[in-house]
Amino acid sequence: MVIREGKNLKGRILGLVLGLVGERVLGKAFDGTIAAVEARADATDRSQGLPGGS
């Protein structure tokens, strides 16, 4: 992975903004993925009659 380092104020601000936005977008996507995996595991447990889930 290549990380862009700004050489001036404009570049540093751009790097900060892109980092924050990217982290927020990827964080939401990751949370959605985790929720989907947990829901699928809970459904599988229920269909097999296994105790588990909340």
Protein backbone atom coordinates (compact mmCIF):
# COMPACT_ATOMS: atom_id res chain seq x y z
CA MET A 1 0.00 0.00 0.00
CA VAL A 2 1.26 3.43 -0.89
CA ILE A 3 0.62 6.19 1.61
CA ARG A 4 0.69 9.70 0.21
CA GLU A 5 2.65 12.15 2.29
CA GLY A 6 1.83 15.78 1.64
CA LYS A 7 4.78 18.07 1.13
CA ASN A 8 2.82 21.19 1.96
CA LEU A 9 -0.23 22.29 3.94
CA LYS A 10 -2.65 21.56 1.09
CA GLY A 11 -1.31 18.02 0.72
CA ARG A 12 -1.42 17.35 4.46
CA ILE A 13 -5.03 18.55 4.68
CA LEU A 14 -5.98 16.41 1.68
CA GLY A 15 -4.31 13.37 3.24
CA LEU A 16 -6.11 13.95 6.54
CA VAL A 17 -9.52 14.37 4.87
CA LEU A 18 -9.10 11.29 2.68
CA GLY A 19 -7.93 9.26 5.66
CA LEU A 20 -10.90 10.24 7.80
CA VAL A 21 -13.48 9.73 5.06
CA GLY A 22 -11.96 6.42 4.02
CA GLU A 23 -11.88 5.18 7.60
CA ARG A 24 -15.53 6.12 8.12
CA VAL A 25 -16.71 4.48 4.87
CA LEU A 26 -14.69 1.33 5.40
CA GLY A 27 -15.71 1.18 9.06
CA LYS A 28 -19.41 1.22 8.14
CA ALA A 29 -18.87 -1.45 5.49
CA PHE A 30 -16.96 -3.61 7.97
CA ASP A 31 -19.73 -3.23 10.58
CA GLY A 32 -22.29 -4.31 7.99
CA THR A 33 -20.21 -7.34 7.07
CA ILE A 34 -19.87 -8.39 10.71
CA ALA A 35 -23.63 -8.00 11.26
CA ALA A 36 -24.37 -10.14 8.19
CA VAL A 37 -21.97 -12.89 9.29
CA GLU A 38 -23.45 -12.94 12.79
CA ALA A 39 -27.01 -13.06 11.43
CA ARG A 40 -26.12 -15.93 9.14
CA ALA A 41 -24.45 -17.84 11.97
CA ASP A 42 -27.48 -17.29 14.23
CA ALA A 43 -29.83 -18.51 11.50
CA THR A 44 -27.69 -21.61 10.99
CA ASP A 45 -27.64 -22.32 14.72
CA ARG A 46 -31.44 -21.98 14.94
CA SER A 47 -32.02 -24.24 11.94
CA GLN A 48 -29.82 -26.92 13.50
CA GLY A 49 -31.42 -26.54 16.93
CA LEU A 50 -28.17 -25.42 18.53
CA PRO A 51 -28.17 -23.12 21.55
CA GLY A 52 -26.54 -19.82 20.81
CA GLY A 53 -27.18 -16.36 19.57
CA SER A 54 -28.83 -13.73 21.66
